[in-house]
Amino acid sequence: KNIRPEVPVILCTGFSEKIVQGKANGSI
């Protein structure tokens, strides 16, 4: 996202969405 903010990114995880959003540090 720092290189190309507009590119769509899908993150796949086994963790809860809340944990992931908390870790994403502004680069959700």
PDB file of all heavy atoms in Angstrom:
ATOM      1  N   LYS A   1       0.828  -1.213   0.000  1.00  0.00           N
ATOM      2  CA  LYS A   1       0.000   0.000   0.000  1.00  0.00           C
ATOM      3  C   LYS A   1       0.867   1.270   0.000  1.00  0.00           C
ATOM      4  O   LYS A   1       0.444   2.296  -0.520  1.00  0.00           O
ATOM      5  CB  LYS A   1      -0.960   0.008   1.191  1.00  0.00           C
ATOM      6  CG  LYS A   1      -2.066  -1.037   1.090  1.00  0.00           C
ATOM      7  CD  LYS A   1      -3.085  -0.660   0.044  1.00  0.00           C
ATOM      8  CE  LYS A   1      -4.324  -1.518   0.102  1.00  0.00           C
ATOM      9  NZ  LYS A   1      -5.304  -1.141  -0.915  1.00  0.00           N
ATOM     10  N   ASN A   2       2.076   1.195   0.567  1.00  0.00           N
ATOM     11  CA  ASN A   2       3.005   2.333   0.512  1.00  0.00           C
ATOM     12  C   ASN A   2       3.461   2.590  -0.923  1.00  0.00           C
ATOM     13  O   ASN A   2       3.668   3.723  -1.320  1.00  0.00           O
ATOM     14  CB  ASN A   2       4.237   2.090   1.389  1.00  0.00           C
ATOM     15  CG  ASN A   2       3.947   2.311   2.857  1.00  0.00           C
ATOM     16  OD1 ASN A   2       2.954   2.952   3.216  1.00  0.00           O
ATOM     17  ND2 ASN A   2       4.790   1.767   3.713  1.00  0.00           N
ATOM     18  N   ILE A   3       3.622   1.512  -1.684  1.00  0.00           N
ATOM     19  CA  ILE A   3       4.083   1.622  -3.077  1.00  0.00           C
ATOM     20  C   ILE A   3       2.930   2.031  -3.985  1.00  0.00           C
ATOM     21  O   ILE A   3       3.072   2.908  -4.828  1.00  0.00           O
ATOM     22  CB  ILE A   3       4.685   0.273  -3.549  1.00  0.00           C
ATOM     23  CG1 ILE A   3       5.920  -0.080  -2.708  1.00  0.00           C
ATOM     24  CG2 ILE A   3       5.047   0.338  -5.037  1.00  0.00           C
ATOM     25  CD1 ILE A   3       6.371  -1.519  -2.837  1.00  0.00           C
ATOM     26  N   ARG A   4       1.780   1.371  -3.822  1.00  0.00           N
ATOM     27  CA  ARG A   4       0.620   1.602  -4.691  1.00  0.00           C
ATOM     28  C   ARG A   4      -0.660   1.522  -3.867  1.00  0.00           C
ATOM     29  O   ARG A   4      -1.300   0.475  -3.785  1.00  0.00           O
ATOM     30  CB  ARG A   4       0.599   0.522  -5.771  1.00  0.00           C
ATOM     31  CG  ARG A   4       0.474   1.075  -7.173  1.00  0.00           C
ATOM     32  CD  ARG A   4       0.375  -0.004  -8.209  1.00  0.00           C
ATOM     33  NE  ARG A   4      -0.972   0.003  -8.766  1.00  0.00           N
ATOM     34  CZ  ARG A   4      -1.554  -1.033  -9.318  1.00  0.00           C
ATOM     35  NH1 ARG A   4      -0.927  -2.181  -9.403  1.00  0.00           N
ATOM     36  NH2 ARG A   4      -2.769  -0.937  -9.803  1.00  0.00           N
ATOM     37  N   PRO A   5      -1.055   2.640  -3.253  1.00  0.00           N
ATOM     38  CA  PRO A   5      -2.198   2.636  -2.325  1.00  0.00           C
ATOM     39  C   PRO A   5      -3.512   2.150  -2.934  1.00  0.00           C
ATOM     40  O   PRO A   5      -4.362   1.621  -2.235  1.00  0.00           O
ATOM     41  CB  PRO A   5      -2.325   4.097  -1.894  1.00  0.00           C
ATOM     42  CG  PRO A   5      -1.053   4.758  -2.287  1.00  0.00           C
ATOM     43  CD  PRO A   5      -0.444   3.954  -3.395  1.00  0.00           C
ATOM     44  N   GLU A   6      -3.677   2.307  -4.248  1.00  0.00           N
ATOM     45  CA  GLU A   6      -4.966   1.983  -4.867  1.00  0.00           C
ATOM     46  C   GLU A   6      -5.130   0.500  -5.215  1.00  0.00           C
ATOM     47  O   GLU A   6      -6.227   0.062  -5.544  1.00  0.00           O
ATOM     48  CB  GLU A   6      -5.190   2.845  -6.120  1.00  0.00           C
ATOM     49  CG  GLU A   6      -4.435   2.393  -7.365  1.00  0.00           C
ATOM     50  CD  GLU A   6      -2.938   2.707  -7.398  1.00  0.00           C
ATOM     51  OE1 GLU A   6      -2.403   3.290  -6.427  1.00  0.00           O
ATOM     52  OE2 GLU A   6      -2.299   2.350  -8.394  1.00  0.00           O
ATOM     53  N   VAL A   7      -4.048  -0.274  -5.161  1.00  0.00           N
ATOM     54  CA  VAL A   7      -4.161  -1.688  -5.549  1.00  0.00           C
ATOM     55  C   VAL A   7      -4.962  -2.449  -4.474  1.00  0.00           C
ATOM     56  O   VAL A   7      -4.691  -2.322  -3.288  1.00  0.00           O
ATOM     57  CB  VAL A   7      -2.777  -2.344  -5.796  1.00  0.00           C
ATOM     58  CG1 VAL A   7      -2.005  -2.605  -4.513  1.00  0.00           C
ATOM     59  CG2 VAL A   7      -2.924  -3.644  -6.567  1.00  0.00           C
ATOM     60  N   PRO A   8      -6.007  -3.206  -4.909  1.00  0.00           N
ATOM     61  CA  PRO A   8      -6.791  -3.950  -3.928  1.00  0.00           C
ATOM     62  C   PRO A   8      -5.994  -5.124  -3.355  1.00  0.00           C
ATOM     63  O   PRO A   8      -5.306  -5.827  -4.087  1.00  0.00           O
ATOM     64  CB  PRO A   8      -7.996  -4.462  -4.721  1.00  0.00           C
ATOM     65  CG  PRO A   8      -7.871  -3.946  -6.104  1.00  0.00           C
ATOM     66  CD  PRO A   8      -6.527  -3.321  -6.259  1.00  0.00           C
ATOM     67  N   VAL A   9      -6.105  -5.312  -2.029  1.00  0.00           N
ATOM     68  CA  VAL A   9      -5.394  -6.395  -1.352  1.00  0.00           C
ATOM     69  C   VAL A   9      -6.378  -7.194  -0.499  1.00  0.00           C
ATOM     70  O   VAL A   9      -7.159  -6.619   0.254  1.00  0.00           O
ATOM     71  CB  VAL A   9      -4.260  -5.859  -0.447  1.00  0.00           C
ATOM     72  CG1 VAL A   9      -3.545  -7.004   0.247  1.00  0.00           C
ATOM     73  CG2 VAL A   9      -3.265  -5.034  -1.244  1.00  0.00           C
ATOM     74  N   ILE A  10      -6.322  -8.519  -0.658  1.00  0.00           N
ATOM     75  CA  ILE A  10      -7.118  -9.435   0.156  1.00  0.00           C
ATOM     76  C   ILE A  10      -6.157 -10.151   1.107  1.00  0.00           C
ATOM     77  O   ILE A  10      -5.157 -10.714   0.676  1.00  0.00           O
ATOM     78  CB  ILE A  10      -7.843 -10.481  -0.721  1.00  0.00           C
ATOM     79  CG1 ILE A  10      -8.804  -9.793  -1.694  1.00  0.00           C
ATOM     80  CG2 ILE A  10      -8.583 -11.493   0.160  1.00  0.00           C
ATOM     81  CD1 ILE A  10      -9.384 -10.732  -2.763  1.00  0.00           C
ATOM     82  N   LEU A  11      -6.482 -10.107   2.391  1.00  0.00           N
ATOM     83  CA  LEU A  11      -5.672 -10.782   3.406  1.00  0.00           C
ATOM     84  C   LEU A  11      -6.457 -11.992   3.914  1.00  0.00           C
ATOM     85  O   LEU A  11      -7.592 -11.850   4.369  1.00  0.00           O
ATOM     86  CB  LEU A  11      -5.368  -9.818   4.556  1.00  0.00           C
ATOM     87  CG  LEU A  11      -4.495 -10.337   5.693  1.00  0.00           C
ATOM     88  CD1 LEU A  11      -3.076 -10.640   5.209  1.00  0.00           C
ATOM     89  CD2 LEU A  11      -4.444  -9.332   6.829  1.00  0.00           C
ATOM     90  N   CYS A  12      -5.856 -13.178   3.801  1.00  0.00           N
ATOM     91  CA  CYS A  12      -6.504 -14.404   4.273  1.00  0.00           C
ATOM     92  C   CYS A  12      -5.889 -14.803   5.610  1.00  0.00           C
ATOM     93  O   CYS A  12      -4.668 -14.814   5.750  1.00  0.00           O
ATOM     94  CB  CYS A  12      -6.291 -15.540   3.271  1.00  0.00           C
ATOM     95  SG  CYS A  12      -6.977 -15.175   1.640  1.00  0.00           S
ATOM     96  N   THR A  13      -6.736 -15.111   6.579  1.00  0.00           N
ATOM     97  CA  THR A  13      -6.228 -15.400   7.909  1.00  0.00           C
ATOM     98  C   THR A  13      -7.114 -16.379   8.661  1.00  0.00           C
ATOM     99  O   THR A  13      -8.311 -16.483   8.382  1.00  0.00           O
ATOM    100  CB  THR A  13      -6.078 -14.101   8.734  1.00  0.00           C
ATOM    101  OG1 THR A  13      -5.561 -14.418  10.019  1.00  0.00           O
ATOM    102  CG2 THR A  13      -7.412 -13.392   8.897  1.00  0.00           C
ATOM    103  N   GLY A  14      -6.515 -17.064   9.604  1.00  0.00           N
ATOM    104  CA  GLY A  14      -7.273 -17.925  10.505  1.00  0.00           C
ATOM    105  C   GLY A  14      -7.595 -17.200  11.793  1.00  0.00           C
ATOM    106  O   GLY A  14      -8.305 -17.706  12.642  1.00  0.00           O
ATOM    107  N   PHE A  15      -7.051 -15.986  11.956  1.00  0.00           N
ATOM    108  CA  PHE A  15      -7.291 -15.191  13.156  1.00  0.00           C
ATOM    109  C   PHE A  15      -8.551 -14.358  13.002  1.00  0.00           C
ATOM    110  O   PHE A  15      -9.020 -14.132  11.892  1.00  0.00           O
ATOM    111  CB  PHE A  15      -6.107 -14.249  13.422  1.00  0.00           C
ATOM    112  CG  PHE A  15      -4.832 -14.978  13.722  1.00  0.00           C
ATOM    113  CD1 PHE A  15      -3.832 -15.035  12.775  1.00  0.00           C
ATOM    114  CD2 PHE A  15      -4.638 -15.613  14.926  1.00  0.00           C
ATOM    115  CE1 PHE A  15      -2.650 -15.716  13.025  1.00  0.00           C
ATOM    116  CE2 PHE A  15      -3.467 -16.301  15.202  1.00  0.00           C
ATOM    117  CZ  PHE A  15      -2.461 -16.352  14.245  1.00  0.00           C
ATOM    118  N   SER A  16      -9.052 -13.847  14.092  1.00  0.00           N
ATOM    119  CA  SER A  16     -10.264 -13.032  14.006  1.00  0.00           C
ATOM    120  C   SER A  16      -9.967 -11.708  13.322  1.00  0.00           C
ATOM    121  O   SER A  16      -8.854 -11.183  13.387  1.00  0.00           O
ATOM    122  CB  SER A  16     -10.843 -12.789  15.398  1.00  0.00           C
ATOM    123  OG  SER A  16     -10.423 -11.564  15.911  1.00  0.00           O
ATOM    124  N   GLU A  17     -10.993 -11.178  12.670  1.00  0.00           N
ATOM    125  CA  GLU A  17     -10.857  -9.936  11.918  1.00  0.00           C
ATOM    126  C   GLU A  17     -10.416  -8.783  12.825  1.00  0.00           C
ATOM    127  O   GLU A  17      -9.631  -7.938  12.435  1.00  0.00           O
ATOM    128  CB  GLU A  17     -12.205  -9.611  11.268  1.00  0.00           C
ATOM    129  CG  GLU A  17     -12.060  -8.890   9.963  1.00  0.00           C
ATOM    130  CD  GLU A  17     -13.357  -8.855   9.162  1.00  0.00           C
ATOM    131  OE1 GLU A  17     -13.947  -9.916   8.910  1.00  0.00           O
ATOM    132  OE2 GLU A  17     -13.745  -7.742   8.807  1.00  0.00           O
ATOM    133  N   LYS A  18     -10.898  -8.768  14.064  1.00  0.00           N
ATOM    134  CA  LYS A  18     -10.528  -7.692  15.006  1.00  0.00           C
ATOM    135  C   LYS A  18      -9.031  -7.690  15.284  1.00  0.00           C
ATOM    136  O   LYS A  18      -8.401  -6.652  15.322  1.00  0.00           O
ATOM    137  CB  LYS A  18     -11.309  -7.842  16.311  1.00  0.00           C
ATOM    138  CG  LYS A  18     -12.756  -7.427  16.188  1.00  0.00           C
ATOM    139  CD  LYS A  18     -13.412  -7.386  17.559  1.00  0.00           C
ATOM    140  CE  LYS A  18     -14.802  -6.833  17.437  1.00  0.00           C
ATOM    141  NZ  LYS A  18     -15.853  -7.842  17.579  1.00  0.00           N
ATOM    142  N   ILE A  19      -8.480  -8.863  15.474  1.00  0.00           N
ATOM    143  CA  ILE A  19      -7.036  -8.977  15.735  1.00  0.00           C
ATOM    144  C   ILE A  19      -6.261  -8.443  14.535  1.00  0.00           C
ATOM    145  O   ILE A  19      -5.336  -7.659  14.677  1.00  0.00           O
ATOM    146  CB  ILE A  19      -6.635 -10.450  16.016  1.00  0.00           C
ATOM    147  CG1 ILE A  19      -7.218 -10.903  17.353  1.00  0.00           C
ATOM    148  CG2 ILE A  19      -5.117 -10.615  16.007  1.00  0.00           C
ATOM    149  CD1 ILE A  19      -7.083 -12.386  17.625  1.00  0.00           C
ATOM    150  N   VAL A  20      -6.678  -8.853  13.353  1.00  0.00           N
ATOM    151  CA  VAL A  20      -5.990  -8.436  12.130  1.00  0.00           C
ATOM    152  C   VAL A  20      -6.086  -6.922  11.957  1.00  0.00           C
ATOM    153  O   VAL A  20      -5.100  -6.260  11.678  1.00  0.00           O
ATOM    154  CB  VAL A  20      -6.583  -9.164  10.901  1.00  0.00           C
ATOM    155  CG1 VAL A  20      -5.983  -8.617   9.619  1.00  0.00           C
ATOM    156  CG2 VAL A  20      -6.319 -10.655  11.010  1.00  0.00           C
ATOM    157  N   GLN A  21      -7.271  -6.351  12.143  1.00  0.00           N
ATOM    158  CA  GLN A  21      -7.425  -4.905  11.981  1.00  0.00           C
ATOM    159  C   GLN A  21      -6.582  -4.158  13.007  1.00  0.00           C
ATOM    160  O   GLN A  21      -6.026  -3.116  12.720  1.00  0.00           O
ATOM    161  CB  GLN A  21      -8.897  -4.516  12.081  1.00  0.00           C
ATOM    162  CG  GLN A  21      -9.641  -4.886  10.819  1.00  0.00           C
ATOM    163  CD  GLN A  21     -11.140  -4.650  10.920  1.00  0.00           C
ATOM    164  OE1 GLN A  21     -11.690  -4.524  12.002  1.00  0.00           O
ATOM    165  NE2 GLN A  21     -11.792  -4.610   9.780  1.00  0.00           N
ATOM    166  N   GLY A  22      -6.471  -4.703  14.192  1.00  0.00           N
ATOM    167  CA  GLY A  22      -5.633  -4.089  15.218  1.00  0.00           C
ATOM    168  C   GLY A  22      -4.164  -4.101  14.828  1.00  0.00           C
ATOM    169  O   GLY A  22      -3.440  -3.157  15.101  1.00  0.00           O
ATOM    170  N   LYS A  23      -3.735  -5.169  14.171  1.00  0.00           N
ATOM    171  CA  LYS A  23      -2.337  -5.304  13.768  1.00  0.00           C
ATOM    172  C   LYS A  23      -2.009  -4.526  12.501  1.00  0.00           C
ATOM    173  O   LYS A  23      -0.853  -4.280  12.207  1.00  0.00           O
ATOM    174  CB  LYS A  23      -2.012  -6.780  13.489  1.00  0.00           C
ATOM    175  CG  LYS A  23      -1.740  -7.600  14.706  1.00  0.00           C
ATOM    176  CD  LYS A  23      -1.291  -8.972  14.262  1.00  0.00           C
ATOM    177  CE  LYS A  23      -0.447  -9.623  15.328  1.00  0.00           C
ATOM    178  NZ  LYS A  23       0.043 -10.925  14.902  1.00  0.00           N
ATOM    179  N   ALA A  24      -3.023  -4.187  11.739  1.00  0.00           N
ATOM    180  CA  ALA A  24      -2.779  -3.632  10.409  1.00  0.00           C
ATOM    181  C   ALA A  24      -2.138  -2.244  10.440  1.00  0.00           C
ATOM    182  O   ALA A  24      -1.589  -1.802   9.439  1.00  0.00           O
ATOM    183  CB  ALA A  24      -4.083  -3.590   9.619  1.00  0.00           C
ATOM    184  N   ASN A  25      -2.193  -1.566  11.573  1.00  0.00           N
ATOM    185  CA  ASN A  25      -1.487  -0.284  11.733  1.00  0.00           C
ATOM    186  C   ASN A  25      -1.702   0.698  10.587  1.00  0.00           C
ATOM    187  O   ASN A  25      -0.758   1.188   9.991  1.00  0.00           O
ATOM    188  CB  ASN A  25       0.022  -0.514  11.894  1.00  0.00           C
ATOM    189  CG  ASN A  25       0.327  -1.357  13.111  1.00  0.00           C
ATOM    190  OD1 ASN A  25      -0.383  -1.288  14.106  1.00  0.00           O
ATOM    191  ND2 ASN A  25       1.368  -2.155  13.033  1.00  0.00           N
ATOM    192  N   GLY A  26      -2.948   0.946  10.251  1.00  0.00           N
ATOM    193  CA  GLY A  26      -3.213   1.957   9.236  1.00  0.00           C
ATOM    194  C   GLY A  26      -3.065   1.480   7.810  1.00  0.00           C
ATOM    195  O   GLY A  26      -3.326   2.223   6.889  1.00  0.00           O
ATOM    196  N   SER A  27      -2.614   0.257   7.611  1.00  0.00           N
ATOM    197  CA  SER A  27      -2.509  -0.265   6.248  1.00  0.00           C
ATOM    198  C   SER A  27      -3.476  -1.430   6.122  1.00  0.00           C
ATOM    199  O   SER A  27      -3.095  -2.555   5.884  1.00  0.00           O
ATOM    200  CB  SER A  27      -1.083  -0.711   5.946  1.00  0.00           C
ATOM    201  OG  SER A  27      -0.708  -1.704   6.868  1.00  0.00           O
ATOM    202  N   ILE A  28      -4.740  -1.137   6.337  1.00  0.00           N
ATOM    203  CA  ILE A  28      -5.754  -2.179   6.364  1.00  0.00           C
ATOM    204  C   ILE A  28      -5.999  -2.710   4.953  1.00  0.00           C
ATOM    205  O   ILE A  28      -6.128  -1.930   4.013  1.00  0.00           O
ATOM    206  CB  ILE A  28      -7.054  -1.636   6.992  1.00  0.00           C
ATOM    207  CG1 ILE A  28      -6.787  -1.295   8.467  1.00  0.00           C
ATOM    208  CG2 ILE A  28      -8.187  -2.628   6.878  1.00  0.00           C
ATOM    209  CD1 ILE A  28      -7.903  -0.567   9.141  1.00  0.00           C
TER     210      ILE A  28
END
